[in-house]
Amino acid sequence: MTSSAADGLARCATRIGRAVDSVLASLAGLEARAAVCWTAAGERGRRPTTADLALVRPDLQQLLREQGSRFLGAGVVAAPDALDDAPLHLEWWQRAGQDTLHRLRLALDPADDNFYDYTVMPWFAVPRDVGHGTVSGPYVDLTCANRYVLTFTRPLVTGGRFAGVVGADITLAAFEQLLVPPLKQLGADAVLVTGEGRILATNTPARTVGALAHDLLASSPAADRAAVPATAVDWTVIGVRPGAFAGDR
């Protein structure tokens, strides 16, 4: 690959990184509003309650309205025992129609057969353990009508302590609108691949979004790839040479 082609891959990766950062940045207002719940409760000498956290609903619903159909859902997920009246809790709202929102309700009691332990999910564990935002997926989210989604989250830290995460679910199809234009401008076949080898976006019909490309991720030379410069993701833009997709069909 020529140096100009390599420069093109790097520019493409940079634009994709900016797209990732822009989504995470859109959650900053919700993060600040949630932090107020902990600060206000602390000033009263107590931990916040689920009722305190519910005060973020107007901001949360406004965020969903502003983002339109791009955000399927968004909310605040509390760390274990961060709230005074619930060991686990999430204030998460989803789009139920063009102008309708509803609160997501999950089984959060460990004794329940359908217990949903969000503390082990990457979208929660990475911000908690590493201290920065992350993007999980794509995966089929059953709570989002079986759609292929990405979950963007960033840590909520108050008083120097991890209190939970704020985040949003975005369909891969919606996020592709930010990913594909930089790929198309390359003028050559290329794909965007996650660290797990899943194709997120492509400008070539040789591979489809969601397919695996482990062989390509493992074997493409350094000159044919550019890492996306965003701390939240482990994604790579890879220039595709003829026959490069033979291994993972």
Protein backbone atom coordinates (compact mmCIF):
# COMPACT_ATOMS: atom_id res chain seq x y z
CA MET A 1 0.00 0.00 0.00
CA THR A 2 1.33 3.45 -0.92
CA SER A 3 2.08 6.13 1.65
CA SER A 4 -0.85 8.21 0.36
CA ALA A 5 -3.19 5.23 0.83
CA ALA A 6 -1.85 4.73 4.35
CA ASP A 7 -2.45 8.41 5.08
CA GLY A 8 -5.99 8.00 3.82
CA LEU A 9 -6.60 5.11 6.21
CA ALA A 10 -5.26 7.20 9.09
CA ARG A 11 -7.55 10.12 8.22
CA CYS A 12 -10.50 7.75 7.95
CA ALA A 13 -9.70 6.23 11.36
CA THR A 14 -9.45 9.72 12.87
CA ARG A 15 -12.88 10.70 11.55
CA ILE A 16 -14.39 7.51 12.95
CA GLY A 17 -12.75 8.22 16.31
CA ARG A 18 -14.35 11.65 16.32
CA ALA A 19 -17.74 10.06 15.65
CA VAL A 20 -17.29 7.78 18.67
CA ASP A 21 -16.21 10.67 20.88
CA SER A 22 -19.14 12.80 19.70
CA VAL A 23 -21.66 10.23 20.91
CA LEU A 24 -19.94 9.90 24.30
CA ALA A 25 -19.76 13.70 24.56
CA SER A 26 -23.51 13.92 24.03
CA LEU A 27 -23.91 12.08 27.35
CA ALA A 28 -21.97 14.69 29.34
CA GLY A 29 -25.07 16.68 30.27
CA LEU A 30 -26.83 13.60 31.60
CA GLU A 31 -23.70 12.66 33.55
CA ALA A 32 -23.55 16.12 35.14
CA ARG A 33 -27.24 16.04 36.06
CA ALA A 34 -26.90 12.58 37.62
CA ALA A 35 -23.87 13.70 39.62
CA VAL A 36 -26.04 16.43 41.16
CA CYS A 37 -28.23 13.71 42.69
CA TRP A 38 -25.27 12.34 44.62
CA THR A 39 -23.91 15.77 45.54
CA ALA A 40 -27.27 17.02 46.82
CA ALA A 41 -27.83 13.88 48.88
CA GLY A 42 -24.31 14.06 50.30
CA GLU A 43 -24.92 17.61 51.44
CA ARG A 44 -27.84 16.22 53.44
CA GLY A 45 -25.60 13.57 54.97
CA ARG A 46 -27.06 10.60 53.15
CA ARG A 47 -26.85 8.52 50.00
CA PRO A 48 -29.25 9.30 47.16
CA THR A 49 -32.38 7.22 46.68
CA THR A 50 -34.17 5.94 43.60
CA ALA A 51 -36.50 8.92 43.96
CA ASP A 52 -33.51 11.27 43.83
CA LEU A 53 -32.21 9.58 40.69
CA ALA A 54 -35.65 9.86 39.09
CA LEU A 55 -35.07 13.63 39.02
CA VAL A 56 -32.87 13.11 35.95
CA ARG A 57 -35.90 12.02 33.91
CA PRO A 58 -36.64 15.42 32.29
CA ASP A 59 -33.00 15.73 31.17
CA LEU A 60 -32.93 12.12 30.04
CA GLN A 61 -36.14 12.39 28.05
CA GLN A 62 -34.96 15.66 26.53
CA LEU A 63 -31.74 13.95 25.42
CA LEU A 64 -33.74 11.22 23.69
CA ARG A 65 -35.94 13.78 21.96
CA GLU A 66 -32.91 15.76 20.79
CA GLN A 67 -31.20 12.67 19.40
CA GLY A 68 -34.33 11.52 17.59
CA SER A 69 -34.39 7.98 16.29
CA ARG A 70 -30.60 7.61 16.59
CA PHE A 71 -30.82 6.79 20.30
CA LEU A 72 -32.99 3.77 21.06
CA GLY A 73 -32.61 4.36 24.78
CA ALA A 74 -30.47 6.06 27.37
CA GLY A 75 -30.11 6.36 31.09
CA VAL A 76 -28.19 6.07 34.33
CA VAL A 77 -27.19 2.73 35.88
CA ALA A 78 -26.19 2.80 39.54
CA ALA A 79 -23.25 0.93 41.02
CA PRO A 80 -24.12 -1.73 43.64
CA ASP A 81 -25.30 -0.07 46.88
CA ALA A 82 -24.69 3.42 45.47
CA LEU A 83 -28.33 4.19 46.27
CA ASP A 84 -29.76 4.01 49.75
CA ASP A 85 -32.94 2.07 48.94
CA ALA A 86 -31.91 -0.32 46.14
CA PRO A 87 -28.83 -2.57 45.82
CA LEU A 88 -29.13 -2.40 42.01
CA HIS A 89 -31.07 0.13 39.99
CA LEU A 90 -31.25 1.69 36.56
CA GLU A 91 -33.09 4.77 35.40
CA TRP A 92 -33.20 3.80 31.72
CA TRP A 93 -35.76 4.97 29.19
CA GLN A 94 -36.41 3.55 25.74
CA ARG A 95 -38.10 4.73 22.60
CA ALA A 96 -41.42 2.86 22.21
CA GLY A 97 -42.50 4.77 19.12
CA GLN A 98 -41.76 7.96 17.27
CA ASP A 99 -43.01 10.15 20.13
CA THR A 100 -43.34 7.67 22.98
CA LEU A 101 -40.85 6.76 25.70
CA HIS A 102 -41.13 4.13 28.39
CA ARG A 103 -38.96 3.10 31.30
CA LEU A 104 -37.02 -0.16 30.98
CA ARG A 105 -37.75 -2.56 33.82
CA LEU A 106 -35.49 -5.56 34.44
CA ALA A 107 -35.34 -8.27 37.09
CA LEU A 108 -32.68 -6.98 39.48
CA ASP A 109 -33.31 -9.37 42.36
CA PRO A 110 -30.64 -12.13 42.44
CA ALA A 111 -33.33 -14.55 43.63
CA ASP A 112 -35.33 -14.01 40.44
CA ASP A 113 -34.93 -16.65 37.72
CA ASN A 114 -34.59 -13.82 35.18
CA PHE A 115 -32.05 -11.85 37.23
CA TYR A 116 -30.10 -9.43 35.04
CA ASP A 117 -26.67 -8.83 36.57
CA TYR A 118 -25.55 -5.75 34.74
CA THR A 119 -22.39 -5.44 36.85
CA VAL A 120 -20.68 -8.14 34.74
CA MET A 121 -21.62 -6.58 31.40
CA PRO A 122 -18.73 -4.92 29.51
CA TRP A 123 -20.68 -1.68 29.10
CA PHE A 124 -20.73 -1.40 32.92
CA ALA A 125 -17.52 -3.19 33.93
CA VAL A 126 -15.12 -1.33 31.60
CA PRO A 127 -15.98 2.21 32.79
CA ARG A 128 -15.86 0.92 36.38
CA ASP A 129 -12.54 -0.90 36.06
CA VAL A 130 -10.69 1.30 33.56
CA GLY A 131 -12.19 4.70 34.25
CA HIS A 132 -13.11 5.80 30.74
CA GLY A 133 -15.97 5.42 28.28
CA THR A 134 -16.50 2.33 26.20
CA VAL A 135 -18.56 1.03 23.29
CA SER A 136 -19.95 -2.49 23.60
CA GLY A 137 -21.24 -4.57 20.72
CA PRO A 138 -22.60 -4.84 18.23
CA TYR A 139 -25.00 -7.41 19.62
CA VAL A 140 -28.66 -8.31 19.35
CA ASP A 141 -30.44 -6.60 22.24
CA LEU A 142 -33.69 -8.41 23.04
CA THR A 143 -34.99 -5.38 24.94
CA CYS A 144 -34.63 -3.31 21.76
CA ALA A 145 -36.89 -5.45 19.57
CA ASN A 146 -34.09 -7.77 18.43
CA ARG A 147 -32.13 -4.99 16.77
CA TYR A 148 -28.37 -4.95 16.30
CA VAL A 149 -27.11 -2.29 18.73
CA LEU A 150 -24.06 -0.63 20.20
CA THR A 151 -24.06 0.52 23.81
CA PHE A 152 -22.06 3.68 24.60
CA THR A 153 -21.30 4.28 28.28
CA ARG A 154 -19.13 6.59 30.36
CA PRO A 155 -18.35 6.42 34.08
CA LEU A 156 -20.30 8.45 36.61
CA VAL A 157 -17.87 9.49 39.35
CA THR A 158 -18.88 11.58 42.36
CA GLY A 159 -16.67 12.54 45.24
CA GLY A 160 -13.88 10.50 43.71
CA ARG A 161 -15.98 7.31 43.81
CA PHE A 162 -17.54 5.29 41.02
CA ALA A 163 -21.30 5.68 41.28
CA GLY A 164 -22.36 3.98 38.06
CA VAL A 165 -22.52 4.75 34.35
CA VAL A 166 -24.50 6.90 31.98
CA GLY A 167 -25.11 5.52 28.54
CA ALA A 168 -27.13 5.12 25.39
CA ASP A 169 -28.12 2.34 23.00
CA ILE A 170 -27.74 3.12 19.31
CA THR A 171 -28.66 0.84 16.43
CA LEU A 172 -25.70 -0.18 14.32
CA ALA A 173 -27.65 0.94 11.27
CA ALA A 174 -27.95 4.46 12.70
CA PHE A 175 -24.29 4.66 13.70
CA GLU A 176 -23.24 3.39 10.27
CA GLN A 177 -24.35 6.74 8.91
CA LEU A 178 -21.33 8.24 10.68
CA LEU A 179 -18.96 5.39 9.79
CA VAL A 180 -19.57 4.77 6.10
CA PRO A 181 -18.84 8.26 4.64
CA PRO A 182 -15.17 8.22 5.78
CA LEU A 183 -14.78 4.72 4.35
CA LYS A 184 -16.30 5.73 1.02
CA GLN A 185 -13.88 8.64 0.70
CA LEU A 186 -10.93 6.24 0.70
CA GLY A 187 -11.42 5.33 -2.95
CA ALA A 188 -10.44 1.71 -2.22
CA ASP A 189 -12.04 -1.26 -0.48
CA ALA A 190 -11.88 -1.11 3.31
CA VAL A 191 -13.68 -2.35 6.41
CA LEU A 192 -13.97 -1.25 10.01
CA VAL A 193 -13.37 -4.20 12.36
CA THR A 194 -13.75 -4.52 16.14
CA GLY A 195 -11.05 -6.04 18.31
CA GLU A 196 -13.12 -9.23 18.38
CA GLY A 197 -13.03 -9.44 14.60
CA ARG A 198 -16.59 -8.28 13.86
CA ILE A 199 -17.18 -6.01 10.86
CA LEU A 200 -18.91 -2.78 11.88
CA ALA A 201 -18.92 -1.00 8.54
CA THR A 202 -17.67 -1.58 5.02
CA ASN A 203 -17.48 0.09 1.63
CA THR A 204 -17.14 -3.20 -0.26
CA PRO A 205 -19.78 -5.84 -1.07
CA ALA A 206 -17.20 -8.58 -0.40
CA ARG A 207 -18.23 -8.59 3.25
CA THR A 208 -21.38 -7.72 5.15
CA VAL A 209 -21.76 -5.78 8.37
CA GLY A 210 -21.83 -8.11 11.36
CA ALA A 211 -19.74 -10.81 9.67
CA LEU A 212 -16.52 -12.09 11.18
CA ALA A 213 -13.16 -11.26 9.66
CA HIS A 214 -10.66 -12.80 12.06
CA ASP A 215 -8.35 -13.80 9.23
CA LEU A 216 -8.21 -10.27 7.91
CA LEU A 217 -7.62 -8.82 11.37
CA ALA A 218 -4.81 -11.26 12.06
CA SER A 219 -3.02 -11.25 8.71
CA SER A 220 -3.30 -7.80 7.13
CA PRO A 221 0.06 -5.97 7.13
CA ALA A 222 0.56 -2.90 9.27
CA ALA A 223 0.60 -0.67 6.20
CA ASP A 224 -2.95 -1.76 5.38
CA ARG A 225 -4.47 -0.80 8.72
CA ALA A 226 -5.06 2.17 10.98
CA ALA A 227 -6.25 2.00 14.59
CA VAL A 228 -9.17 4.24 15.48
CA PRO A 229 -7.74 6.86 17.89
CA ALA A 230 -10.48 6.76 20.53
CA THR A 231 -9.90 5.32 24.00
CA ALA A 232 -13.43 3.92 24.10
CA VAL A 233 -12.91 1.43 21.28
CA ASP A 234 -10.51 -1.17 19.94
CA TRP A 235 -11.42 -0.74 16.27
CA THR A 236 -9.26 -0.89 13.17
CA VAL A 237 -9.76 0.39 9.63
CA ILE A 238 -8.30 -2.18 7.24
CA GLY A 239 -7.61 -1.72 3.57
CA VAL A 240 -8.75 -4.82 1.69
CA ARG A 241 -6.57 -6.48 -0.92
CA PRO A 242 -8.00 -8.99 -3.44
CA GLY A 243 -8.68 -12.37 -1.85
CA ALA A 244 -8.27 -11.05 1.70
CA PHE A 245 -11.65 -12.36 2.86
CA ALA A 246 -11.04 -16.02 2.16
CA GLY A 247 -10.61 -17.15 5.75
CA ASP A 248 -13.78 -16.30 7.65
CA ARG A 249 -16.70 -17.05 5.39
